[in-house]
Amino acid sequence: MLALGLEGSANKLGVGIIQHLPPTPSHPLPSSSSSPSPPTSTTAHSLKLHPHPLPPPQIRILANLRHTFVSPPGTGFLPRETAQHHRRWVVRLIKQALKQAAERLDCVCYTKGPGMGAPLAAVAVAARTVAGLWGKKVVGVNHCVGHIEMGRTITSSSNPIVLYVSGGNTQIIAYASHRYRIFGETLDIAVGNCLDRFARTLNISNDPAPGYNIEQLAKKGRRLLDLPYAVKGMDCSFGGILASIDVMAAELERAEREGGKWRVPGGDGEEKDVVTREDLCFTLQETVYAMLVEITERAMAHVGANQVLIVGGVGCNERLQEMMGLMAESRGGSVYATDERFCIDNGIMIAHAGLLAYRTGFDTKMEDTTCTQRFRTDEVYVGWRE
C-alpha cells in the first residue's frame, strides 16, 4: 500500500510517499538506516476499530522532500507568511515526489494538528484537492503521534518512554492501552520555542534553524551561569528561564555597546569572568536539557522502562542526546534518536502514520478534513498497537 503525506504545521513544508510491504520473515523491522514515518491522528469515536493490532510493516521510502520558510535574523515566522510559502511550494513538491515514486497511491494523508492555523489550513486544502482529483481517501494525522511512530519504526525501539521536544511541543509520553499517555509537559512555552526566541534576542540566523545555530555557539561556551530551574513535578516551565537569560543578554549587549566586556564574579568571589554569547547559549542549553533529563528519568522509573526515544526537531541536538544517554546508561538503559531527515518535520512521517491508520479501516470524511491548532497526543486511539 502507498500513501502520500503532506506536513505543514509550522515553517517546514514536507511531502513524502511511503510504501508498506507485508511483513515476512525475510523482511524484519527496518534498522535505523531505514527511512520510516509517523502514526495516525484519530480520535476514538471516529475510528473503525480493527479486530486485532496490525503487524509492523516493512517500509519503503519513495520520496521525502522538504522546503523551509526562513525568516530574517531576529524575527520569527508569522502564520500568514508561512502559509503563503506553503501554498507557493506545495504543488511543485507534490509533482517532484510523484515523479520519484511513479506508483499508484492508496490514500492522501495530511497533518490535521496541532500547529499554526494558517499553515495547517494551506496543507489541508492541498490534501483535499489532490484526493478529490484522484478519487482517493483522505486521512487526517496527529502531528505529535506521527513523530512518535516515525521514531519507533526507524530505531526499532520497542516500548520506550518518549521525549517529544520541538518548537511547539514539550511532552513526556508513555504508551498504554491504545493511547500515548502524557506524563508531563510544558506549562507555558515549548523548549524549542524558548531556544528560538533567545536566538532572536541574540539576532542569530534562522538558517538552517535557530536552535541549530544556538547549539553550535554553545559548543564554544565555557562558563555556566545561574538560571532558574523550573521543574514542577513532571512538568516544566521555560518562560521564566527565557526572561532571565534575556536580561543577561541585555547586560552583555550594553557592555559591548559601551566598548567593554560583561564580567560576573568568578568562583572565588573575587576575580571576575568575562561572559560571551557562547556562554549564554551554553548556559541555556545545559539548564533546559537538565530539566528534560530529570522528568524523563522520573517517567522511566514510574513505568519501569529502560528505553528513551527522543523525537521532534529539538531531538537532533547532540548535547541533549549525550545528556540523556548518560542518564539512561546509569540506569542500564538506552537512548534512541533519529537524524535530521526524520526528527525535523517531514511529510514521510505523515504518510506512514496515515497509512497505519488507513490499514485499520480509518479514513477522514471529506467534510471533516479540517485542521485544529490544538490536537492533543492522548486524543488519538492507537488501533495498530497491542
Protein backbone atom coordinates (compact mmCIF):
# COMPACT_ATOMS: atom_id res chain seq x y z
CA MET A 1 0.00 0.00 0.00
CA LEU A 2 1.18 3.53 -0.81
CA ALA A 3 0.38 6.87 0.83
CA LEU A 4 1.18 10.50 0.09
CA GLY A 5 1.88 12.58 3.20
CA LEU A 6 1.68 16.38 3.49
CA GLU A 7 3.14 18.17 6.54
CA GLY A 8 2.91 21.91 7.13
CA SER A 9 2.18 22.58 10.79
CA ALA A 10 4.96 25.19 11.10
CA ASN A 11 7.62 26.67 8.83
CA LYS A 12 8.61 23.41 7.16
CA LEU A 13 6.61 22.04 4.25
CA GLY A 14 7.13 18.32 3.79
CA VAL A 15 5.89 15.96 1.10
CA GLY A 16 6.57 12.24 1.31
CA ILE A 17 5.47 8.98 -0.27
CA ILE A 18 5.80 5.69 1.61
CA GLN A 19 5.04 2.07 0.81
CA HIS A 20 4.06 -0.55 3.38
CA LEU A 21 5.09 -4.04 2.38
CA PRO A 22 3.66 -7.15 4.07
CA PRO A 23 5.88 -8.29 6.97
CA THR A 24 7.68 -11.54 6.20
CA PRO A 25 10.50 -13.50 7.88
CA SER A 26 12.85 -12.15 5.21
CA HIS A 27 11.69 -8.57 5.84
CA PRO A 28 12.14 -7.77 9.56
CA LEU A 29 11.61 -4.37 11.07
CA PRO A 30 13.83 -1.75 9.43
CA SER A 31 17.01 -0.70 11.20
CA SER A 32 17.99 2.88 11.99
CA SER A 33 19.42 3.18 8.48
CA SER A 34 15.95 2.70 7.02
CA SER A 35 13.50 5.50 6.37
CA PRO A 36 10.09 5.32 8.06
CA SER A 37 7.43 7.76 9.21
CA PRO A 38 4.82 8.69 11.87
CA PRO A 39 1.45 7.48 13.14
CA THR A 40 -2.16 8.39 12.92
CA SER A 41 -4.15 11.28 14.23
CA THR A 42 -7.53 9.86 15.02
CA THR A 43 -9.96 10.15 17.87
CA ALA A 44 -11.57 7.01 19.25
CA HIS A 45 -15.13 7.89 18.32
CA SER A 46 -14.22 8.32 14.64
CA LEU A 47 -12.09 5.17 14.32
CA LYS A 48 -13.30 1.96 12.72
CA LEU A 49 -11.64 -0.46 15.11
CA HIS A 50 -9.58 -3.25 13.61
CA PRO A 51 -10.25 -6.62 15.34
CA HIS A 52 -6.54 -7.14 16.09
CA PRO A 53 -3.41 -4.97 16.24
CA LEU A 54 -1.61 -4.83 12.93
CA PRO A 55 1.79 -6.44 12.42
CA PRO A 56 4.51 -3.86 11.81
CA PRO A 57 5.01 -3.30 8.10
CA GLN A 58 8.22 -3.35 6.12
CA ILE A 59 8.74 0.20 4.91
CA ARG A 60 9.98 1.59 1.64
CA ILE A 61 10.56 5.34 1.32
CA LEU A 62 9.82 6.52 -2.21
CA ALA A 63 10.09 10.29 -1.67
CA ASN A 64 10.92 12.56 1.27
CA LEU A 65 11.03 16.22 0.23
CA ARG A 66 11.06 19.34 2.37
CA HIS A 67 11.22 23.11 1.89
CA THR A 68 11.64 25.55 4.78
CA PHE A 69 10.39 29.10 5.18
CA VAL A 70 13.35 31.04 6.64
CA SER A 71 12.65 34.46 8.14
CA PRO A 72 15.32 37.18 8.60
CA PRO A 73 17.59 37.09 11.69
CA GLY A 74 15.97 38.50 14.78
CA THR A 75 12.46 37.61 13.61
CA GLY A 76 10.15 34.63 13.82
CA PHE A 77 7.88 33.15 11.18
CA LEU A 78 4.36 34.56 11.13
CA PRO A 79 1.32 32.43 10.19
CA ARG A 80 0.35 34.43 7.10
CA GLU A 81 3.81 34.46 5.50
CA THR A 82 4.33 30.79 6.38
CA ALA A 83 1.03 29.81 4.78
CA GLN A 84 1.94 31.78 1.66
CA HIS A 85 5.21 29.87 1.49
CA HIS A 86 3.41 26.53 1.74
CA ARG A 87 0.91 27.44 -0.97
CA ARG A 88 3.75 28.59 -3.22
CA TRP A 89 5.75 25.37 -2.88
CA VAL A 90 3.27 22.55 -2.27
CA VAL A 91 2.36 21.82 -5.92
CA ARG A 92 5.94 21.60 -7.16
CA LEU A 93 6.93 19.35 -4.23
CA ILE A 94 3.98 17.03 -4.87
CA LYS A 95 4.89 16.81 -8.56
CA GLN A 96 8.50 16.05 -7.73
CA ALA A 97 7.52 13.38 -5.19
CA LEU A 98 5.19 11.67 -7.67
CA LYS A 99 7.97 11.57 -10.27
CA GLN A 100 10.22 9.85 -7.76
CA ALA A 101 7.54 7.34 -6.75
CA ALA A 102 5.81 6.68 -10.07
CA GLU A 103 3.39 4.26 -8.40
CA ARG A 104 -0.31 4.20 -7.61
CA LEU A 105 -1.40 5.80 -4.33
CA ASP A 106 -3.96 4.34 -1.93
CA CYS A 107 -4.62 7.41 0.22
CA VAL A 108 -3.63 11.02 0.86
CA CYS A 109 -2.55 11.92 4.41
CA TYR A 110 -2.15 15.38 5.92
CA THR A 111 -1.36 16.98 9.26
CA LYS A 112 -4.64 17.78 10.98
CA GLY A 113 -2.93 19.35 14.01
CA PRO A 114 -1.54 20.60 16.29
CA GLY A 115 0.26 23.55 14.75
CA MET A 116 -0.18 27.04 13.35
CA GLY A 117 -3.63 27.64 11.93
CA ALA A 118 -2.90 29.26 8.58
CA PRO A 119 -0.12 26.85 7.51
CA LEU A 120 -2.22 23.87 8.59
CA ALA A 121 -5.16 25.14 6.54
CA ALA A 122 -2.98 25.60 3.46
CA VAL A 123 -1.87 21.98 3.60
CA ALA A 124 -5.39 20.70 4.34
CA VAL A 125 -6.66 22.43 1.18
CA ALA A 126 -3.86 20.83 -0.83
CA ALA A 127 -4.72 17.38 0.56
CA ARG A 128 -8.41 17.77 -0.25
CA THR A 129 -7.59 18.95 -3.76
CA VAL A 130 -5.26 16.05 -4.53
CA ALA A 131 -7.65 13.49 -3.05
CA GLY A 132 -10.59 14.95 -4.97
CA LEU A 133 -8.71 14.98 -8.29
CA TRP A 134 -7.64 11.36 -7.99
CA GLY A 135 -10.61 9.98 -6.09
CA LYS A 136 -8.53 8.91 -3.07
CA LYS A 137 -9.40 8.60 0.59
CA VAL A 138 -8.06 11.26 2.98
CA VAL A 139 -6.51 10.54 6.37
CA GLY A 140 -6.01 13.30 8.96
CA VAL A 141 -2.91 12.71 11.09
CA ASN A 142 -1.91 13.93 14.54
CA HIS A 143 1.48 15.58 14.17
CA CYS A 144 2.74 14.53 17.61
CA VAL A 145 1.82 10.87 17.29
CA GLY A 146 3.40 10.96 13.86
CA HIS A 147 6.76 11.90 15.33
CA ILE A 148 6.49 9.03 17.81
CA GLU A 149 5.68 6.34 15.24
CA MET A 150 8.39 7.62 12.92
CA GLY A 151 10.96 7.36 15.68
CA ARG A 152 9.78 3.94 16.84
CA THR A 153 9.95 2.48 13.36
CA ILE A 154 13.30 3.96 12.39
CA THR A 155 15.06 2.99 15.61
CA SER A 156 13.22 -0.31 16.18
CA SER A 157 12.67 0.72 19.80
CA SER A 158 10.00 -1.49 21.34
CA ASN A 159 8.12 0.36 24.07
CA PRO A 160 10.16 3.43 25.10
CA ILE A 161 9.45 6.47 27.19
CA VAL A 162 9.13 9.22 24.57
CA LEU A 163 10.55 12.69 24.97
CA TYR A 164 8.85 14.84 22.35
CA VAL A 165 10.61 18.19 22.04
CA SER A 166 10.03 20.73 19.29
CA GLY A 167 9.25 24.38 18.66
CA GLY A 168 5.62 23.90 19.64
CA ASN A 169 5.58 20.92 21.99
CA THR A 170 7.37 19.51 25.03
CA GLN A 171 5.92 16.26 26.37
CA ILE A 172 6.97 13.12 28.26
CA ILE A 173 4.92 10.24 26.89
CA ALA A 174 4.40 6.52 27.53
CA TYR A 175 2.14 4.08 25.71
CA ALA A 176 -0.67 2.22 27.49
CA SER A 177 -3.98 0.72 26.36
CA HIS A 178 -4.07 2.14 22.82
CA ARG A 179 -3.14 5.66 23.89
CA TYR A 180 0.04 7.68 24.12
CA ARG A 181 -0.30 8.94 27.69
CA ILE A 182 1.20 12.31 28.60
CA PHE A 183 3.11 12.05 31.90
CA GLY A 184 4.48 15.58 31.86
CA GLU A 185 4.65 18.63 29.63
CA THR A 186 5.50 22.30 29.47
CA LEU A 187 3.31 24.64 31.45
CA ASP A 188 3.95 27.59 29.16
CA ILE A 189 6.18 27.69 26.08
CA ALA A 190 7.86 24.71 24.42
CA VAL A 191 11.59 24.16 24.85
CA GLY A 192 12.16 24.71 21.13
CA ASN A 193 10.26 27.98 21.28
CA CYS A 194 12.45 29.05 24.21
CA LEU A 195 15.58 28.40 22.15
CA ASP A 196 14.15 30.06 19.04
CA ARG A 197 13.14 33.20 20.90
CA PHE A 198 16.55 33.50 22.52
CA ALA A 199 18.10 33.22 19.05
CA ARG A 200 16.03 36.27 18.12
CA THR A 201 17.33 38.09 21.19
CA LEU A 202 20.91 37.49 20.03
CA ASN A 203 19.97 38.19 16.40
CA ILE A 204 21.17 34.72 15.38
CA SER A 205 20.42 33.49 11.87
CA ASN A 206 17.36 31.31 11.29
CA ASP A 207 19.18 29.39 8.55
CA PRO A 208 19.16 26.42 8.72
CA ALA A 209 17.42 26.71 12.11
CA PRO A 210 17.86 28.98 15.13
CA GLY A 211 18.14 26.05 17.53
CA TYR A 212 20.90 24.51 15.45
CA ASN A 213 22.86 27.76 15.44
CA ILE A 214 22.48 28.08 19.22
CA GLU A 215 23.84 24.54 19.53
CA GLN A 216 26.95 25.45 17.54
CA LEU A 217 27.59 28.53 19.69
CA ALA A 218 27.01 26.51 22.88
CA LYS A 219 29.79 24.11 21.91
CA LYS A 220 32.22 27.04 22.37
CA GLY A 221 30.76 28.14 25.71
CA ARG A 222 32.78 27.54 28.88
CA ARG A 223 31.01 29.33 31.74
CA LEU A 224 27.78 28.07 33.28
CA LEU A 225 25.70 30.91 34.73
CA ASP A 226 22.84 30.69 37.21
CA LEU A 227 19.36 30.43 35.71
CA PRO A 228 16.02 29.43 37.24
CA TYR A 229 15.44 25.68 37.27
CA ALA A 230 11.71 25.23 36.81
CA VAL A 231 10.70 21.58 37.22
CA LYS A 232 7.29 21.21 38.85
CA GLY A 233 6.57 17.53 39.44
CA MET A 234 6.52 16.01 35.97
CA ASP A 235 6.04 19.37 34.25
CA CYS A 236 8.46 22.10 33.17
CA SER A 237 8.27 25.85 32.71
CA PHE A 238 10.54 27.71 30.31
CA GLY A 239 9.07 31.23 30.26
CA GLY A 240 10.91 32.46 33.35
CA ILE A 241 14.19 30.96 32.13
CA LEU A 242 13.84 32.82 28.85
CA ALA A 243 13.09 36.08 30.64
CA SER A 244 16.15 35.64 32.87
CA ILE A 245 18.59 34.90 30.09
CA ASP A 246 17.15 37.77 28.03
CA VAL A 247 18.18 40.05 30.92
CA MET A 248 21.70 38.61 30.78
CA ALA A 249 21.80 39.15 27.01
CA ALA A 250 20.77 42.77 27.53
CA GLU A 251 23.62 43.25 30.02
CA LEU A 252 26.06 41.73 27.54
CA GLU A 253 24.78 43.94 24.73
CA ARG A 254 25.04 47.06 26.92
CA ALA A 255 28.65 46.26 27.84
CA GLU A 256 29.60 45.64 24.22
CA ARG A 257 27.89 48.85 23.14
CA GLU A 258 29.98 50.77 25.64
CA GLY A 259 33.14 49.22 24.26
CA GLY A 260 33.76 46.86 27.16
CA LYS A 261 33.07 43.30 28.21
CA TRP A 262 30.46 41.94 30.57
CA ARG A 263 32.03 40.39 33.64
CA VAL A 264 30.49 38.46 36.53
CA PRO A 265 32.04 37.32 39.83
CA GLY A 266 34.22 34.24 39.48
CA GLY A 267 34.06 31.12 41.54
CA ASP A 268 36.19 32.57 44.36
CA GLY A 269 34.06 35.71 44.58
CA GLU A 270 36.99 37.98 43.79
CA GLU A 271 38.12 37.65 40.18
CA LYS A 272 35.59 38.40 37.52
CA ASP A 273 35.00 36.23 34.46
CA VAL A 274 34.17 37.53 31.01
CA VAL A 275 30.81 36.30 29.71
CA THR A 276 30.27 35.75 25.97
CA ARG A 277 27.32 34.99 23.72
CA GLU A 278 28.62 31.44 23.56
CA ASP A 279 28.43 31.19 27.37
CA LEU A 280 24.81 32.32 27.30
CA CYS A 281 23.89 29.69 24.71
CA PHE A 282 25.79 27.05 26.70
CA THR A 283 24.03 28.04 29.92
CA LEU A 284 20.57 27.96 28.36
CA GLN A 285 21.10 24.54 26.78
CA GLU A 286 22.57 22.95 29.92
CA THR A 287 19.74 24.25 32.10
CA VAL A 288 16.73 23.33 29.98
CA TYR A 289 18.16 19.95 28.93
CA ALA A 290 18.92 19.03 32.55
CA MET A 291 15.25 19.68 33.31
CA LEU A 292 14.17 17.40 30.47
CA VAL A 293 16.53 14.63 31.60
CA GLU A 294 15.14 14.82 35.13
CA ILE A 295 11.50 14.39 34.21
CA THR A 296 12.35 11.70 31.65
CA GLU A 297 14.21 9.69 34.29
CA ARG A 298 11.26 10.03 36.65
CA ALA A 299 8.91 8.70 33.96
CA MET A 300 11.25 5.76 33.29
CA ALA A 301 11.24 4.88 36.99
CA HIS A 302 7.46 5.17 37.19
CA VAL A 303 6.71 2.73 34.35
CA GLY A 304 9.82 0.57 34.66
CA ALA A 305 11.09 1.42 31.17
CA ASN A 306 14.70 1.04 30.06
CA GLN A 307 14.42 2.80 26.70
CA VAL A 308 14.12 6.50 25.84
CA LEU A 309 13.11 7.72 22.40
CA ILE A 310 13.76 11.39 21.59
CA VAL A 311 11.61 12.81 18.78
CA GLY A 312 10.86 16.25 17.38
CA GLY A 313 13.13 18.89 15.93
CA VAL A 314 15.00 19.60 19.19
CA GLY A 315 15.76 15.88 19.33
CA CYS A 316 18.50 16.47 16.74
CA ASN A 317 20.56 18.30 19.37
CA GLU A 318 23.69 16.30 20.10
CA ARG A 319 24.10 17.68 23.62
CA LEU A 320 20.57 16.64 24.57
CA GLN A 321 21.24 13.15 23.22
CA GLU A 322 24.51 12.99 25.16
CA MET A 323 22.95 14.07 28.46
CA MET A 324 20.04 11.68 28.03
CA GLY A 325 22.45 8.88 27.15
CA LEU A 326 24.43 9.38 30.35
CA MET A 327 21.26 9.19 32.42
CA ALA A 328 19.99 6.09 30.61
CA GLU A 329 23.35 4.34 30.88
CA SER A 330 23.39 4.88 34.63
CA ARG A 331 20.05 3.04 34.77
CA GLY A 332 21.17 0.23 32.48
CA GLY A 333 19.02 1.59 29.66
CA SER A 334 19.48 3.04 26.19
CA VAL A 335 18.54 6.11 24.17
CA TYR A 336 17.18 6.18 20.64
CA ALA A 337 17.11 9.19 18.33
CA THR A 338 16.93 9.93 14.60
CA ASP A 339 18.84 12.25 12.30
CA GLU A 340 17.53 15.44 10.72
CA ARG A 341 15.77 13.58 7.88
CA PHE A 342 13.14 12.36 10.31
CA CYS A 343 13.35 14.25 13.62
CA ILE A 344 12.65 17.53 11.82
CA ASP A 345 9.08 17.88 10.50
CA ASN A 346 8.66 15.88 7.29
CA GLY A 347 5.98 14.52 5.02
CA ILE A 348 7.07 10.91 5.14
CA MET A 349 6.12 10.59 8.80
CA ILE A 350 2.63 11.82 7.99
CA ALA A 351 2.32 9.34 5.14
CA HIS A 352 3.46 6.49 7.38
CA ALA A 353 1.17 7.45 10.25
CA GLY A 354 -1.79 7.90 7.97
CA LEU A 355 -1.19 4.56 6.30
CA LEU A 356 -1.02 2.82 9.67
CA ALA A 357 -4.47 4.25 10.46
CA TYR A 358 -5.78 3.55 6.96
CA ARG A 359 -4.84 -0.11 7.30
CA THR A 360 -7.07 -0.34 10.38
CA GLY A 361 -10.02 0.85 8.28
CA PHE A 362 -9.88 4.53 9.21
CA ASP A 363 -10.25 7.47 6.87
CA THR A 364 -11.40 11.06 7.28
CA LYS A 365 -14.65 12.14 5.67
CA MET A 366 -14.22 14.99 3.24
CA GLU A 367 -16.39 17.30 5.35
CA ASP A 368 -14.13 16.55 8.34
CA THR A 369 -10.84 17.30 6.57
CA THR A 370 -10.34 20.40 8.67
CA CYS A 371 -7.43 21.32 10.90
CA THR A 372 -7.09 22.22 14.55
CA GLN A 373 -4.31 24.06 16.33
CA ARG A 374 -5.00 22.07 19.50
CA PHE A 375 -4.96 18.32 18.95
CA ARG A 376 -3.51 16.54 21.96
CA THR A 377 -1.40 13.42 21.67
CA ASP A 378 -3.60 11.45 24.05
CA GLU A 379 -6.74 12.13 21.99
CA VAL A 380 -5.60 9.60 19.41
CA TYR A 381 -6.77 5.98 19.55
CA VAL A 382 -3.73 3.95 18.52
CA GLY A 383 -5.51 0.97 17.00
CA TRP A 384 -2.49 -0.53 15.28
CA ARG A 385 -0.61 -1.33 18.53
CA GLU A 386 -1.31 -4.02 21.09
